[in-house]
Protein backbone atom coordinates (compact mmCIF):
# COMPACT_ATOMS: atom_id res chain seq x y z
CA MET A 1 -1.65 -21.65 -1.85
CA GLY A 2 -4.07 -18.96 -2.99
CA CYS A 3 -7.78 -18.86 -2.30
CA VAL A 4 -10.25 -19.50 -5.08
CA MET A 5 -13.69 -17.99 -4.66
CA GLY A 6 -15.19 -21.36 -3.80
CA ASP A 7 -12.89 -21.56 -0.77
CA LEU A 8 -14.27 -18.33 0.69
CA LEU A 9 -17.46 -18.02 2.67
CA THR A 10 -20.16 -15.60 1.50
CA VAL A 11 -19.42 -13.35 4.49
CA GLU A 12 -15.72 -13.30 3.55
CA LEU A 13 -16.53 -12.26 -0.02
CA PHE A 14 -18.78 -9.55 1.41
CA LEU A 15 -15.99 -8.35 3.72
CA PHE A 16 -13.58 -8.40 0.77
CA ALA A 17 -15.88 -6.11 -1.23
CA VAL A 18 -16.56 -3.79 1.73
CA ALA A 19 -12.85 -3.53 2.57
CA THR A 20 -12.04 -2.75 -1.06
CA PHE A 21 -14.63 0.05 -1.08
CA ALA A 22 -13.35 1.44 2.25
CA ALA A 23 -9.71 1.32 1.14
CA ALA A 24 -10.50 3.09 -2.14
CA PHE A 25 -12.58 5.68 -0.26
CA VAL A 26 -9.70 6.43 2.11
CA ALA A 27 -7.24 6.63 -0.79
CA GLY A 28 -9.55 9.04 -2.60
CA ILE A 29 -9.49 11.39 0.39
CA ALA A 30 -5.97 10.96 1.74
CA GLY A 31 -4.13 10.19 -1.50
CA PHE A 32 -2.55 7.07 -0.01
CA ALA A 33 -3.20 4.11 2.34
CA PHE A 34 -5.22 1.91 -0.04
CA GLY A 35 -2.92 -1.04 0.63
CA VAL A 36 -2.77 -0.68 4.40
CA VAL A 37 -6.55 -0.36 4.76
CA ALA A 38 -7.24 -3.29 2.42
CA ALA A 39 -4.57 -5.53 3.95
CA ALA A 40 -5.89 -4.86 7.45
CA VAL A 41 -9.05 -6.81 6.50
CA TRP A 42 -8.02 -9.07 3.61
CA LEU A 43 -5.19 -10.76 5.51
CA HIS A 44 -7.67 -12.30 7.92
CA PHE A 45 -8.92 -14.64 5.18
CA LEU A 46 -6.56 -14.31 2.18
CA PRO A 47 -2.97 -15.58 2.00
CA PRO A 48 -0.33 -12.81 1.97
CA GLU A 49 0.86 -13.57 -1.58
CA GLN A 50 -2.65 -13.25 -3.01
CA CYS A 51 -3.30 -10.17 -0.89
CA ALA A 52 -0.13 -8.53 -2.24
CA ALA A 53 -1.11 -9.30 -5.85
CA LEU A 54 -4.56 -7.75 -5.38
CA ILE A 55 -3.14 -4.66 -3.65
CA VAL A 56 -0.77 -4.22 -6.58
CA ALA A 57 -3.53 -4.61 -9.19
CA PHE A 58 -5.99 -2.28 -7.46
CA GLY A 59 -3.23 0.12 -6.40
CA LEU A 60 -2.20 0.61 -10.01
CA ILE A 61 -5.73 1.84 -10.77
CA VAL A 62 -6.16 4.08 -7.71
CA GLN A 63 -2.67 5.57 -7.57
CA GLY A 64 -2.28 5.58 -11.35
CA TRP A 65 -5.24 7.96 -11.66
CA ALA A 66 -3.74 10.19 -8.98
CA VAL A 67 -0.41 10.32 -10.82
CA VAL A 68 -2.15 11.31 -14.07
CA LYS A 69 -3.66 14.27 -12.20
CA LEU A 70 -0.24 15.15 -10.76
CA ARG A 71 1.67 14.81 -14.03
CA LYS A 72 2.50 18.53 -14.29
CA SER A 73 4.05 18.51 -10.79
CA LEU A 74 6.35 15.53 -11.32
CA LYS A 75 10.12 16.06 -11.21
CA ILE A 76 11.92 13.18 -12.88
CA GLU A 77 15.28 14.04 -11.30
CA ARG A 78 13.69 13.76 -7.83
CA LEU A 79 11.85 10.52 -8.63
CA LEU A 80 14.66 8.66 -10.37
CA PRO A 81 16.69 7.64 -7.26
CA PHE A 82 13.56 6.18 -5.62
CA ILE A 83 12.61 4.27 -8.78
CA ILE A 84 16.12 2.86 -9.28
CA GLY A 85 16.26 1.81 -5.62
CA GLY A 86 12.80 0.28 -5.94
CA ALA A 87 13.94 -1.79 -8.94
CA ILE A 88 16.56 -3.39 -6.67
CA GLY A 89 14.24 -3.84 -3.71
CA VAL A 90 11.18 -5.34 -5.43
CA PRO A 91 12.79 -8.68 -6.42
CA LEU A 92 14.18 -9.06 -2.89
CA GLY A 93 10.76 -8.43 -1.36
CA THR A 94 8.87 -10.78 -3.68
CA GLU A 95 11.32 -13.60 -2.96
CA VAL A 96 10.72 -13.10 0.77
CA LEU A 97 6.97 -13.24 0.10
CA ARG A 98 7.32 -16.53 -1.81
CA SER A 99 9.57 -18.28 0.68
CA ALA A 100 8.50 -17.04 4.14
CA PRO A 101 5.84 -18.94 6.15
CA MET A 102 2.36 -17.43 5.88
CA ALA A 103 2.07 -16.84 9.63
CA SER A 104 5.40 -14.99 9.69
CA VAL A 105 4.35 -12.71 6.82
CA ARG A 106 1.03 -11.92 8.55
CA PHE A 107 2.92 -11.14 11.76
CA ALA A 108 5.38 -8.87 9.93
CA ILE A 109 2.60 -6.99 8.12
CA GLY A 110 0.81 -6.56 11.46
CA VAL A 111 3.97 -4.96 12.88
CA VAL A 112 4.17 -2.65 9.84
CA LEU A 113 0.54 -1.60 10.29
CA ILE A 114 1.09 -0.90 14.00
CA ALA A 115 4.22 1.15 13.31
CA PHE A 116 2.65 3.11 10.44
CA SER A 117 -0.60 3.89 12.27
CA ALA A 118 1.22 4.79 15.50
CA TYR A 119 3.51 7.13 13.57
CA ASN A 120 0.53 8.89 11.98
CA LEU A 121 -1.34 9.14 15.29
CA ILE A 122 1.59 10.43 17.34
CA ARG A 123 3.34 12.41 14.58
CA PRO A 124 6.72 12.38 16.36
CA LYS A 125 9.23 15.09 15.64
CA LEU A 126 11.84 13.23 13.60
CA PRO A 127 15.27 14.67 12.73
CA SER A 128 15.19 16.61 9.48
CA ALA A 129 16.71 14.94 6.44
CA ALA A 130 16.45 18.02 4.23
CA ALA A 131 20.14 17.76 3.37
CA ALA A 132 19.97 14.10 2.36
CA GLY A 133 21.22 13.34 -1.13
CA ARG A 134 20.14 11.15 -4.01
CA LEU A 135 22.08 8.14 -2.74
CA THR A 136 20.06 8.18 0.49
CA ASP A 137 16.86 8.59 -1.52
CA ALA A 138 17.85 5.53 -3.55
CA GLY A 139 18.42 3.55 -0.33
CA VAL A 140 14.98 4.55 0.89
CA GLY A 141 13.62 3.57 -2.52
CA MET A 142 15.17 0.12 -2.15
CA LEU A 143 13.56 -0.39 1.28
CA ASN A 144 10.26 0.89 -0.10
CA GLY A 145 10.52 -1.51 -3.04
CA ALA A 146 11.40 -4.46 -0.81
CA LEU A 147 8.41 -3.77 1.45
CA GLY A 148 6.17 -3.30 -1.57
CA GLY A 149 7.34 -6.53 -3.16
CA ALA A 150 6.86 -8.49 0.06
CA THR A 151 3.50 -7.05 1.11
CA GLY A 152 2.05 -4.86 -1.64
CA LEU A 153 2.38 -1.85 0.71
CA ALA A 154 4.39 0.14 -1.79
CA GLY A 155 4.23 3.65 -0.39
CA ILE A 156 4.72 3.43 3.37
CA VAL A 157 8.48 4.00 3.56
CA ALA A 158 8.39 6.68 0.86
CA THR A 159 5.50 8.51 2.56
CA VAL A 160 7.34 8.76 5.89
CA TRP A 161 10.61 9.70 4.21
CA CYS A 162 9.03 12.50 2.16
CA SER A 163 7.75 14.02 5.41
CA VAL A 164 11.21 13.76 7.01
CA ARG A 165 12.73 15.39 3.94
CA GLY A 166 10.74 18.51 4.79
CA TRP A 167 8.95 18.77 1.46
CA SER A 168 5.56 20.49 1.30
CA PRO A 169 2.44 18.26 1.13
CA PRO A 170 2.02 18.83 -2.66
CA GLU A 171 5.71 18.00 -3.19
CA GLN A 172 5.35 14.88 -1.06
CA ARG A 173 2.38 13.64 -3.09
CA ALA A 174 4.32 14.28 -6.29
CA VAL A 175 6.95 11.84 -4.99
CA PHE A 176 5.33 9.06 -2.97
CA GLN A 177 2.37 8.50 -5.32
CA PRO A 178 4.38 7.99 -8.55
CA VAL A 179 6.99 6.00 -6.59
CA ALA A 180 4.22 3.73 -5.32
CA VAL A 181 2.92 3.26 -8.87
CA SER A 182 6.40 2.32 -10.10
CA VAL A 183 6.73 -0.27 -7.31
CA PHE A 184 3.24 -1.62 -8.04
CA LEU A 185 4.15 -2.00 -11.72
CA MET A 186 7.50 -3.67 -11.03
CA THR A 187 5.91 -5.99 -8.47
CA ALA A 188 3.14 -6.96 -10.91
CA LEU A 189 5.71 -7.76 -13.61
CA TRP A 190 7.86 -9.76 -11.18
CA LEU A 191 4.96 -11.74 -9.73
CA GLY A 192 3.60 -12.44 -13.20
CA GLY A 193 7.00 -13.36 -14.61
CA THR A 194 7.73 -15.80 -11.78
CA GLY A 195 4.28 -17.41 -11.90
CA SER A 196 3.43 -16.22 -8.40
CA ILE A 197 -0.10 -14.97 -9.11
CA GLU A 198 -2.35 -17.55 -7.51
CA LYS A 199 -5.44 -19.17 -9.01
CA GLY A 200 -8.59 -17.29 -8.07
CA THR A 201 -6.93 -13.86 -8.01
CA ALA A 202 -8.57 -12.80 -11.28
CA GLY A 203 -12.00 -13.72 -9.91
CA LEU A 204 -11.43 -11.70 -6.75
CA PHE A 205 -10.19 -8.79 -8.86
CA ALA A 206 -13.45 -8.88 -10.85
CA ILE A 207 -15.50 -8.89 -7.63
CA GLY A 208 -13.49 -6.03 -6.13
CA LEU A 209 -13.35 -3.75 -9.17
CA PRO A 210 -16.88 -2.23 -8.88
CA PRO A 211 -16.55 -1.35 -5.16
CA LEU A 212 -13.03 -0.06 -5.86
CA LEU A 213 -14.23 2.37 -8.52
CA LEU A 214 -17.26 3.42 -6.48
CA GLY A 215 -15.20 3.90 -3.31
CA HIS A 216 -12.55 5.96 -5.06
CA TRP A 217 -15.18 8.16 -6.73
CA ALA A 218 -16.91 8.69 -3.36
CA GLY A 219 -13.59 9.50 -1.69
CA LEU A 220 -12.72 12.12 -4.29
CA LYS A 221 -16.18 13.67 -3.90
CA ALA A 222 -15.83 13.73 -0.09
CA PHE A 223 -12.30 15.19 -0.18
CA ASP A 224 -13.41 18.81 0.32
CA ARG A 225 -16.18 18.03 2.82
CA LEU A 226 -14.45 15.99 5.52
CA LYS A 227 -12.06 17.32 8.14
CA ASP A 228 -8.90 15.54 7.07
CA THR A 229 -7.23 15.44 10.51
CA GLY A 230 -10.15 13.81 12.33
CA PHE A 231 -10.78 11.40 9.46
CA ARG A 232 -7.15 10.23 9.42
CA ARG A 233 -7.14 9.67 13.18
CA VAL A 234 -10.16 7.38 12.92
CA VAL A 235 -8.60 5.44 10.02
CA MET A 236 -5.25 5.10 11.74
CA SER A 237 -6.85 3.97 15.01
CA LEU A 238 -8.68 1.20 13.13
CA LEU A 239 -5.44 0.21 11.39
CA LEU A 240 -3.69 0.04 14.75
CA LEU A 241 -6.32 -2.37 16.07
CA SER A 242 -6.16 -4.47 12.93
CA GLY A 243 -2.36 -4.60 13.09
CA LEU A 244 -2.55 -5.79 16.68
CA SER A 245 -4.98 -8.55 15.66
CA LEU A 246 -2.68 -9.69 12.83
CA VAL A 247 0.28 -9.82 15.24
CA VAL A 248 -1.75 -12.04 17.55
CA LEU A 249 -2.84 -14.29 14.66
CA GLY A 250 0.69 -14.42 13.27
CA ARG A 251 2.16 -15.96 16.40
């Protein structure tokens, strides 16, 4: 069952707004991670299904704007395998979200947060996949879509894979950001079409929209002023701690 605003304490609504601002701020600077930052806080008082729906709705705004700015750099032939794979993965992920116990979903998302933050902190030298073909990209797209449909975290798998592919940072952004938007859109359509958007989600969206817009604007303004490496390490360390707490709660 989803949370309506009357079910949430004032402090939880405050934390919801603050987390939305922080997630949008991080996304404005880093170009990704809105969902992981938001989920790290929201999942402590919102059910996973409602959390996923809100990540999708807000993610469409944040990442959609980024894709508009990147439109001249997009290569449809490179994006298509990921989008086709995502179209297969999203329904699978959303069905897992609907049927799995809440505690299990929280635990699984905690594991994802730990793995993603640890990867970004350690930056291990992974084998190059520069020679991988479109079929492999489509398989990655399916995994990315399944994770996005189940959690709202639509860009994690694609972000890691783009790095392994050996593409330059601008090329990576021109792939994982539009791929994330496509997964957000497909997830929104699937959740809406199956009646899985819980009561109270629209009210939370209305509360979160002002801090989202303000946070994203502030993040874009701060982009050239902050040292990106140090900033990311702080964010990823906080995500690691939050993931650990969700794993403990999910047991």
